[in-house]
């Protein structure tokens, strides 16, 4: 999303993030630069809870006018996108990631209004809940995987599926009472010398806790993780029945948008597996 640089001085190194009015990876897509202010507020708020503070880089300084954050450099960390290449998520890492969400989603006494984050939610809503299933959306899916365009058509033409995805999108846009990370996927998880850390909360908002859980589930499916491991997310999080159902539905949407939307992943499999996952997406979204 952002311009991100490592700054090395003669005494230490720092991470600089600047939000510019576009998506850094896709400069043709406009994006609100106010996301830097939201991310700053997230770091300032979550520092009040030790488990969250210890699992994120420290915010060292910010320049609101320049939309810049200066963050602690966690060293030679790497994210978890290697999961998409066949690596299994370690049990200890899964527990740490679920624990982070459980602490984040506990009630807060008061949250700044900036966490409504409406502009970023509008951007995300377009690319998660609307554009991938819109007819004639201009996305050349066969450029990603030959045959994917035709494979996507049964999903796009399933009126019940499209209706439920639309309803979930409305829920996503509705204000709730829970502070959620908003982009809880392997690219936002870091392996460091001090254990798992979480970064990039610029999509955070006050909404449904099930969204974070669902995004995590969706990416574990996309990464071909064992079913037992995926189910353990629900049990470790201690989700009630309604949250678990909603999380699985959000997982189905996340699977769909990562396969037939703009935000593609480094997936190591072809059309057959993508076809299976799109069918899984339909089952998850339509599950009662």
Protein backbone atom coordinates (compact mmCIF):
# COMPACT_ATOMS: atom_id res chain seq x y z
CA UNK A 1 0.00 0.00 0.00
CA UNK A 2 2.74 2.44 0.95
CA UNK A 3 6.20 3.69 0.13
CA UNK A 4 8.32 1.77 2.65
CA UNK A 5 12.03 2.36 3.18
CA UNK A 6 14.71 1.15 5.57
CA UNK A 7 16.79 4.11 6.73
CA UNK A 8 20.26 3.21 8.00
CA UNK A 9 22.31 5.70 10.03
CA UNK A 10 25.64 5.31 11.79
CA UNK A 11 23.80 4.30 15.00
CA UNK A 12 20.66 2.39 14.01
CA UNK A 13 18.15 1.62 11.29
CA UNK A 14 14.51 2.68 11.05
CA UNK A 15 11.51 1.94 8.87
CA UNK A 16 9.83 4.85 7.11
CA UNK A 17 6.32 4.49 5.71
CA UNK A 18 4.64 7.17 3.66
CA UNK A 19 1.05 6.95 2.47
CA UNK A 20 0.73 8.55 -0.94
CA UNK A 21 -2.63 9.08 -2.68
CA UNK A 22 -2.41 5.82 -4.59
CA UNK A 23 -1.65 2.14 -3.97
CA UNK A 24 2.13 1.81 -4.20
CA UNK A 25 1.97 -1.62 -5.88
CA UNK A 26 -0.82 -0.50 -8.25
CA UNK A 27 -0.23 3.23 -8.91
CA UNK A 28 -3.27 3.36 -11.19
CA UNK A 29 -5.53 2.73 -8.15
CA UNK A 30 -6.22 5.86 -6.07
CA UNK A 31 -6.11 5.40 -2.29
CA UNK A 32 -6.71 7.85 0.57
CA UNK A 33 -3.45 9.07 2.11
CA UNK A 34 -5.34 9.54 5.40
CA UNK A 35 -4.57 5.88 6.01
CA UNK A 36 -1.31 7.03 7.60
CA UNK A 37 -3.28 8.88 10.26
CA UNK A 38 -5.40 5.80 10.94
CA UNK A 39 -2.34 3.59 11.20
CA UNK A 40 -0.72 6.03 13.61
CA UNK A 41 -3.83 5.96 15.79
CA UNK A 42 -3.79 2.16 15.76
CA UNK A 43 -0.21 2.02 17.05
CA UNK A 44 -0.96 4.64 19.69
CA UNK A 45 -4.08 2.82 20.88
CA UNK A 46 -2.79 -0.74 20.91
CA UNK A 47 0.30 0.19 22.91
CA UNK A 48 -2.06 0.22 25.92
CA UNK A 49 -2.23 -3.60 25.81
CA UNK A 50 1.08 -5.32 26.43
CA UNK A 51 0.49 -8.41 24.24
CA UNK A 52 -0.32 -6.15 21.29
CA UNK A 53 2.52 -3.73 21.97
CA UNK A 54 5.00 -6.58 22.17
CA UNK A 55 3.75 -8.09 18.91
CA UNK A 56 4.13 -4.97 16.77
CA UNK A 57 6.98 -2.63 15.84
CA UNK A 58 7.17 0.48 18.00
CA UNK A 59 5.91 3.74 16.55
CA UNK A 60 8.87 6.11 17.06
CA UNK A 61 7.55 9.25 15.39
CA UNK A 62 5.03 10.48 12.86
CA UNK A 63 4.49 13.49 10.61
CA UNK A 64 0.74 13.80 9.97
CA UNK A 65 1.12 16.49 7.32
CA UNK A 66 3.59 14.41 5.30
CA UNK A 67 1.61 11.21 5.99
CA UNK A 68 4.78 9.59 7.34
CA UNK A 69 5.37 7.08 10.12
CA UNK A 70 8.76 6.15 11.55
CA UNK A 71 8.73 2.62 12.96
CA UNK A 72 11.13 0.38 14.81
CA UNK A 73 13.16 -1.83 12.48
CA UNK A 74 12.54 -5.45 13.45
CA UNK A 75 15.66 -6.60 11.66
CA UNK A 76 15.93 -9.25 8.99
CA UNK A 77 12.34 -10.37 9.39
CA UNK A 78 10.36 -12.05 6.65
CA UNK A 79 6.66 -12.39 6.18
CA UNK A 80 4.62 -15.58 5.97
CA UNK A 81 3.92 -15.56 2.23
CA UNK A 82 6.06 -18.70 2.00
CA UNK A 83 2.92 -20.49 3.23
CA UNK A 84 1.57 -20.17 -0.31
CA UNK A 85 4.52 -22.23 -1.55
CA UNK A 86 3.75 -25.30 0.54
CA UNK A 87 5.16 -24.43 3.96
CA UNK A 88 3.02 -25.49 6.92
CA UNK A 89 2.13 -22.91 9.55
CA UNK A 90 3.79 -23.96 12.80
CA UNK A 91 1.50 -24.58 15.76
CA UNK A 92 3.31 -22.02 17.89
CA UNK A 93 2.89 -19.36 15.20
CA UNK A 94 -0.80 -20.15 14.75
CA UNK A 95 -1.40 -19.77 18.48
CA UNK A 96 0.46 -16.45 18.53
CA UNK A 97 -1.55 -15.11 15.58
CA UNK A 98 -4.88 -16.18 17.05
CA UNK A 99 -3.92 -14.82 20.46
CA UNK A 100 -3.17 -11.43 18.89
CA UNK A 101 -6.68 -11.27 17.45
CA UNK A 102 -8.29 -12.42 20.69
CA UNK A 103 -6.60 -9.58 22.60
CA UNK A 104 -7.26 -6.98 19.90
CA UNK A 105 -10.95 -7.88 19.76
CA UNK A 106 -11.57 -7.52 23.48
CA UNK A 107 -13.77 -4.48 24.30
CA UNK A 108 -12.07 -1.09 24.47
CA UNK A 109 -13.31 1.63 26.80
CA UNK A 110 -13.19 4.29 24.11
CA UNK A 111 -11.91 4.36 20.56
CA UNK A 112 -11.13 7.42 18.40
CA UNK A 113 -13.62 8.19 15.66
CA UNK A 114 -10.80 7.98 13.13
CA UNK A 115 -11.20 4.19 13.32
CA UNK A 116 -14.38 4.40 11.26
CA UNK A 117 -11.80 4.63 8.44
CA UNK A 118 -14.58 5.05 5.87
CA UNK A 119 -12.40 5.96 2.89
CA UNK A 120 -10.21 2.88 3.23
CA UNK A 121 -13.24 0.69 3.83
CA UNK A 122 -14.82 2.03 0.66
CA UNK A 123 -11.65 1.16 -1.28
CA UNK A 124 -11.47 -2.30 0.24
CA UNK A 125 -15.18 -2.93 -0.26
CA UNK A 126 -14.86 -2.22 -3.97
CA UNK A 127 -12.02 -4.73 -4.40
CA UNK A 128 -13.36 -7.43 -2.08
CA UNK A 129 -17.14 -7.46 -2.38
CA UNK A 130 -18.04 -5.82 -5.69
CA UNK A 131 -15.44 -5.66 -8.47
CA UNK A 132 -14.39 -9.36 -8.58
CA UNK A 133 -17.96 -10.55 -9.18
CA UNK A 134 -19.08 -7.64 -11.34
CA UNK A 135 -19.83 -8.56 -14.97
CA UNK A 136 -17.45 -7.11 -17.54
CA UNK A 137 -15.17 -5.78 -14.80
CA UNK A 138 -12.14 -5.47 -17.08
CA UNK A 139 -9.99 -7.94 -15.12
CA UNK A 140 -8.19 -10.30 -17.52
CA UNK A 141 -8.16 -13.43 -15.37
CA UNK A 142 -6.60 -15.59 -18.07
CA UNK A 143 -3.52 -13.37 -17.82
CA UNK A 144 -3.11 -14.73 -14.28
CA UNK A 145 -4.02 -18.35 -15.00
CA UNK A 146 -5.21 -19.67 -18.38
CA UNK A 147 -8.81 -20.84 -18.06
CA UNK A 148 -9.56 -18.77 -14.95
CA UNK A 149 -11.97 -16.46 -16.79
CA UNK A 150 -14.29 -19.32 -17.69
CA UNK A 151 -13.85 -20.91 -14.27
CA UNK A 152 -15.03 -17.70 -12.60
CA UNK A 153 -18.30 -17.47 -14.53
CA UNK A 154 -20.34 -20.00 -12.48
CA UNK A 155 -19.52 -18.03 -9.33
CA UNK A 156 -20.35 -14.67 -10.89
CA UNK A 157 -23.64 -15.98 -12.29
CA UNK A 158 -24.78 -17.62 -9.02
CA UNK A 159 -27.42 -15.15 -7.87
CA UNK A 160 -27.63 -16.55 -4.34
CA UNK A 161 -23.87 -16.31 -3.96
CA UNK A 162 -23.70 -12.77 -5.34
CA UNK A 163 -26.55 -11.70 -3.08
CA UNK A 164 -24.86 -13.07 0.04
CA UNK A 165 -21.49 -11.51 -0.89
CA UNK A 166 -23.32 -8.20 -1.31
CA UNK A 167 -24.93 -8.59 2.13
CA UNK A 168 -21.54 -9.35 3.68
CA UNK A 169 -20.19 -6.23 1.98
CA UNK A 170 -22.89 -4.14 3.62
CA UNK A 171 -21.98 -5.65 6.97
CA UNK A 172 -18.33 -4.81 6.32
CA UNK A 173 -19.29 -1.17 5.72
CA UNK A 174 -21.41 -1.04 8.89
CA UNK A 175 -19.87 0.33 12.05
CA UNK A 176 -19.48 -2.12 14.91
CA UNK A 177 -17.93 -2.18 18.36
CA UNK A 178 -14.74 -4.18 17.76
CA UNK A 179 -11.39 -2.83 16.64
CA UNK A 180 -10.22 -5.09 13.82
CA UNK A 181 -6.89 -5.16 12.00
CA UNK A 182 -8.60 -5.21 8.62
CA UNK A 183 -5.90 -6.98 6.56
CA UNK A 184 -4.93 -10.01 8.64
CA UNK A 185 -3.15 -12.18 6.10
CA UNK A 186 0.37 -13.69 5.72
CA UNK A 187 1.77 -10.49 4.23
CA UNK A 188 0.96 -8.69 7.49
CA UNK A 189 2.62 -11.32 9.68
CA UNK A 190 6.38 -11.23 10.26
CA UNK A 191 8.81 -13.83 11.54
CA UNK A 192 11.40 -12.12 13.70
CA UNK A 193 14.08 -13.15 16.17
CA UNK A 194 11.57 -12.29 18.90
CA UNK A 195 8.68 -14.30 17.48
CA UNK A 196 5.67 -13.38 15.36
CA UNK A 197 4.95 -9.69 14.81
CA UNK A 198 2.00 -8.01 13.10
CA UNK A 199 2.27 -4.99 10.80
CA UNK A 200 0.31 -2.83 8.34
CA UNK A 201 -2.92 -1.96 10.20
CA UNK A 202 -3.91 0.87 7.84
CA UNK A 203 -7.12 -0.99 6.91
CA UNK A 204 -8.21 -1.20 10.56
CA UNK A 205 -11.75 -0.19 11.48
CA UNK A 206 -14.46 -0.62 14.09
CA UNK A 207 -16.61 -3.46 12.85
CA UNK A 208 -17.20 -7.21 13.05
CA UNK A 209 -14.49 -9.33 14.70
CA UNK A 210 -15.45 -12.16 12.34
CA UNK A 211 -13.89 -10.24 9.45
CA UNK A 212 -10.34 -10.61 10.81
CA UNK A 213 -10.91 -14.27 11.66
CA UNK A 214 -12.43 -14.91 8.26
CA UNK A 215 -9.56 -13.30 6.34
CA UNK A 216 -7.10 -15.44 8.31
CA UNK A 217 -9.12 -18.58 7.55
CA UNK A 218 -9.38 -17.69 3.88
CA UNK A 219 -5.63 -17.40 3.49
CA UNK A 220 -4.99 -20.66 5.28
CA UNK A 221 -7.28 -22.32 2.73
CA UNK A 222 -5.49 -20.50 -0.10
CA UNK A 223 -2.18 -21.75 1.32
CA UNK A 224 -3.44 -25.36 1.39
CA UNK A 225 -3.01 -25.68 5.14
CA UNK A 226 -4.38 -28.83 6.81
CA UNK A 227 -8.09 -28.73 7.63
CA UNK A 228 -7.34 -29.58 11.25
CA UNK A 229 -5.08 -26.55 11.53
CA UNK A 230 -7.68 -24.28 9.95
CA UNK A 231 -10.40 -25.48 12.32
CA UNK A 232 -8.07 -24.86 15.25
CA UNK A 233 -8.24 -21.13 14.49
CA UNK A 234 -11.94 -21.18 15.40
CA UNK A 235 -11.45 -23.28 18.53
CA UNK A 236 -8.39 -21.36 19.78
CA UNK A 237 -10.13 -18.04 19.18
CA UNK A 238 -13.12 -19.46 21.10
CA UNK A 239 -15.59 -18.08 18.61
CA UNK A 240 -19.25 -18.54 19.37
CA UNK A 241 -21.45 -20.20 16.77
CA UNK A 242 -22.61 -17.02 15.06
CA UNK A 243 -19.07 -15.57 14.88
CA UNK A 244 -17.72 -18.86 13.52
CA UNK A 245 -20.38 -18.99 10.80
CA UNK A 246 -19.79 -15.38 9.80
CA UNK A 247 -16.02 -15.89 9.82
CA UNK A 248 -16.34 -18.82 7.41
CA UNK A 249 -18.52 -16.71 5.11
CA UNK A 250 -15.96 -13.91 5.12
CA UNK A 251 -13.30 -16.57 4.44
CA UNK A 252 -15.22 -17.62 1.35
CA UNK A 253 -15.31 -14.04 0.10
CA UNK A 254 -11.58 -13.60 0.74
CA UNK A 255 -10.80 -16.76 -1.22
CA UNK A 256 -12.88 -15.52 -4.13
CA UNK A 257 -11.44 -12.02 -4.28
CA UNK A 258 -7.85 -13.28 -4.09
CA UNK A 259 -8.47 -15.68 -6.97
CA UNK A 260 -10.53 -13.52 -9.34
CA UNK A 261 -9.81 -9.99 -8.11
CA UNK A 262 -6.96 -7.56 -8.68
CA UNK A 263 -4.97 -8.39 -5.52
CA UNK A 264 -3.39 -11.64 -6.67
CA UNK A 265 -1.18 -13.86 -4.51
CA UNK A 266 2.00 -15.86 -5.31
CA UNK A 267 0.11 -19.15 -5.49
CA UNK A 268 2.02 -22.16 -6.71
CA UNK A 269 -0.87 -24.12 -8.20
CA UNK A 270 -2.91 -24.00 -11.37
CA UNK A 271 -6.44 -23.89 -12.64
CA UNK A 272 -7.59 -27.20 -11.14
CA UNK A 273 -6.91 -26.13 -7.56
CA UNK A 274 -8.29 -22.66 -8.19
CA UNK A 275 -11.48 -24.23 -9.48
CA UNK A 276 -11.73 -26.30 -6.30
CA UNK A 277 -11.19 -23.24 -4.15
CA UNK A 278 -13.84 -21.22 -5.97
CA UNK A 279 -16.29 -24.03 -5.28
CA UNK A 280 -15.19 -24.01 -1.64
CA UNK A 281 -15.78 -20.26 -1.60
CA UNK A 282 -19.35 -20.81 -2.75
CA UNK A 283 -19.96 -23.43 -0.06
CA UNK A 284 -18.52 -21.26 2.69
CA UNK A 285 -20.39 -18.12 1.68
CA UNK A 286 -23.73 -19.92 1.39
CA UNK A 287 -23.33 -21.98 4.58
CA UNK A 288 -26.00 -21.17 7.15
